[in-house]
Amino acid sequence: MTTTYSHKQLAVNCFNAVWDFLDLSERTQAEEEKMIHLAHASFWHWTQVEEHTPKNLSIGYWQLSRVYATADLGDRALFYAERCLEVSVNHQIEPFYVGYAYEALSRANTLLDHMDLAKIQAKQAIEYAQKVKDENSKIMLLDDIGTIKFSH
């Protein structure tokens, strides 16, 4: 018996599998590579979902930035963080997502030793977090901002 999955199911499955790797305290090089491939697969499958939204793209770009930051690949993390912010701002997505775009930018810029810019972006992320109405979402964003390391 063959199982057929929709692009949406595959996008969600890949997205969730990425989190299994992000949640690990340490990853092998093979696990890191698989995590990156899964993030790209998730994003691509979302783009194939007819009713995908700018919010789906924002989340996908954010996850791509996070996996590259986790893999210590600052340039790539920055590229996807910039795409995340662009989509989020251009489509006037809720403050939660714009805040996460700035969180991603800040995290990427710390890897590139652009500390002054990273601190400004972290402050921007905090400003957007303050606009988030759902308290749990606000706390999640603020907690993630708090994990950014401004020194190596």
Protein backbone atom coordinates (compact mmCIF):
# COMPACT_ATOMS: atom_id res chain seq x y z
CA MET A 1 0.00 0.00 0.00
CA THR A 2 1.40 3.38 -1.05
CA THR A 3 0.82 6.47 1.04
CA THR A 4 0.49 9.78 -0.74
CA TYR A 5 1.21 13.00 1.10
CA SER A 6 0.15 16.50 0.14
CA HIS A 7 2.68 19.31 -0.09
CA LYS A 8 1.17 20.78 3.07
CA GLN A 9 1.64 17.52 4.99
CA LEU A 10 5.22 17.22 3.78
CA ALA A 11 5.94 20.86 4.66
CA VAL A 12 4.61 20.37 8.19
CA ASN A 13 6.40 17.03 8.65
CA CYS A 14 9.72 18.49 7.52
CA PHE A 15 9.23 21.61 9.65
CA ASN A 16 8.57 19.51 12.74
CA ALA A 17 11.54 17.24 11.98
CA VAL A 18 13.78 20.31 11.91
CA TRP A 19 12.71 21.04 15.48
CA ASP A 20 13.81 17.57 16.54
CA PHE A 21 17.32 18.59 15.45
CA LEU A 22 17.14 22.14 16.81
CA ASP A 23 16.15 20.75 20.20
CA LEU A 24 19.32 18.65 20.43
CA SER A 25 22.05 20.15 22.61
CA GLU A 26 24.66 18.81 20.16
CA ARG A 27 24.44 17.65 16.55
CA THR A 28 26.78 15.65 14.37
CA GLN A 29 27.79 17.12 11.03
CA ALA A 30 25.41 14.66 9.33
CA GLU A 31 22.54 15.73 11.61
CA GLU A 32 23.30 19.39 10.94
CA GLU A 33 23.21 18.78 7.20
CA LYS A 34 19.97 16.82 7.45
CA MET A 35 18.44 19.64 9.52
CA ILE A 36 19.34 22.17 6.81
CA HIS A 37 17.95 19.95 4.03
CA LEU A 38 14.72 19.42 5.97
CA ALA A 39 14.28 23.18 6.46
CA HIS A 40 14.71 23.76 2.73
CA ALA A 41 12.34 20.89 1.93
CA SER A 42 9.73 22.30 4.30
CA PHE A 43 10.01 25.75 2.75
CA TRP A 44 9.79 24.42 -0.81
CA HIS A 45 6.74 22.30 -0.03
CA TRP A 46 5.02 25.35 1.50
CA THR A 47 5.60 27.25 -1.74
CA GLN A 48 3.78 24.44 -3.57
CA VAL A 49 0.68 24.73 -1.35
CA GLU A 50 -1.80 26.73 -3.41
CA GLU A 51 -3.23 28.59 -0.41
CA HIS A 52 0.13 29.36 1.25
CA THR A 53 0.33 32.77 2.85
CA PRO A 54 3.05 35.36 3.43
CA LYS A 55 2.96 34.22 7.08
CA ASN A 56 3.91 30.68 5.98
CA LEU A 57 6.83 32.17 4.03
CA SER A 58 7.89 34.34 6.97
CA ILE A 59 7.95 31.31 9.26
CA GLY A 60 9.85 29.28 6.67
CA TYR A 61 12.44 31.99 6.13
CA TRP A 62 12.82 32.35 9.90
CA GLN A 63 13.39 28.60 10.30
CA LEU A 64 15.96 28.62 7.51
CA SER A 65 17.77 31.47 9.23
CA ARG A 66 17.69 29.62 12.55
CA VAL A 67 19.11 26.37 11.17
CA TYR A 68 21.94 28.25 9.46
CA ALA A 69 22.62 30.20 12.66
CA THR A 70 22.63 26.94 14.60
CA ALA A 71 25.10 25.55 12.06
CA ASP A 72 27.25 28.68 12.59
CA LEU A 73 26.77 29.84 8.99
CA GLY A 74 26.18 33.53 9.58
CA ASP A 75 26.02 34.73 5.96
CA ARG A 76 23.28 32.25 5.10
CA ALA A 77 21.46 32.93 8.36
CA LEU A 78 21.52 36.64 7.52
CA PHE A 79 20.25 36.06 3.98
CA TYR A 80 17.15 34.22 5.20
CA ALA A 81 16.60 36.61 8.12
CA GLU A 82 16.51 39.49 5.63
CA ARG A 83 13.99 37.60 3.49
CA CYS A 84 11.93 36.92 6.64
CA LEU A 85 11.83 40.63 7.52
CA GLU A 86 11.05 41.65 3.95
CA VAL A 87 8.06 39.29 3.67
CA SER A 88 6.82 40.15 7.17
CA VAL A 89 6.98 43.93 6.70
CA ASN A 90 5.79 44.03 3.09
CA HIS A 91 2.70 42.01 3.97
CA GLN A 92 2.11 43.72 7.34
CA ILE A 93 2.14 40.44 9.22
CA GLU A 94 1.45 40.54 12.98
CA PRO A 95 4.14 41.94 15.32
CA PHE A 96 5.03 38.43 16.57
CA TYR A 97 6.45 37.51 13.14
CA VAL A 98 8.18 40.85 12.58
CA GLY A 99 9.72 40.46 16.04
CA TYR A 100 11.03 37.04 15.08
CA ALA A 101 12.48 38.48 11.88
CA TYR A 102 14.47 40.97 13.95
CA GLU A 103 15.45 38.17 16.35
CA ALA A 104 16.81 36.21 13.37
CA LEU A 105 18.68 39.26 12.05
CA SER A 106 20.21 39.90 15.46
CA ARG A 107 21.26 36.25 15.86
CA ALA A 108 22.81 36.17 12.37
CA ASN A 109 24.68 39.42 12.89
CA THR A 110 26.22 38.19 16.15
CA LEU A 111 27.73 35.32 14.16
CA LEU A 112 29.18 37.85 11.72
CA ASP A 113 30.61 39.97 14.58
CA HIS A 114 28.30 42.88 13.76
CA MET A 115 27.55 43.33 17.46
CA ASP A 116 26.31 46.94 17.38
CA LEU A 117 23.81 46.11 14.65
CA ALA A 118 22.82 42.86 16.39
CA LYS A 119 22.04 44.78 19.60
CA ILE A 120 19.91 47.30 17.70
CA GLN A 121 18.01 44.46 16.02
CA ALA A 122 17.50 42.71 19.35
CA LYS A 123 15.99 45.94 20.71
CA GLN A 124 13.73 46.11 17.65
CA ALA A 125 12.67 42.51 18.29
CA ILE A 126 11.84 43.43 21.89
CA GLU A 127 9.81 46.43 20.72
CA TYR A 128 7.76 44.17 18.46
CA ALA A 129 7.43 41.59 21.25
CA GLN A 130 5.81 44.26 23.42
CA LYS A 131 3.11 44.64 20.75
CA VAL A 132 2.23 40.92 20.83
CA LYS A 133 -1.17 40.48 22.47
CA ASP A 134 -0.95 36.77 23.27
CA GLU A 135 1.10 36.51 26.47
CA ASN A 136 2.52 33.03 25.72
CA SER A 137 3.68 34.13 22.26
CA LYS A 138 5.23 37.27 23.74
CA ILE A 139 7.11 35.23 26.36
CA MET A 140 8.32 32.75 23.73
CA LEU A 141 9.71 35.56 21.56
CA LEU A 142 11.34 37.35 24.50
CA ASP A 143 12.87 34.06 25.70
CA ASP A 144 14.34 33.42 22.25
CA ILE A 145 15.74 36.95 22.09
CA GLY A 146 17.31 36.24 25.48
CA THR A 147 19.29 33.31 24.02
CA ILE A 148 21.22 35.52 21.59
CA LYS A 149 24.89 35.61 22.56
CA PHE A 150 26.45 39.01 21.98
CA SER A 151 30.00 37.73 22.51
CA HIS A 152 31.79 34.66 21.20
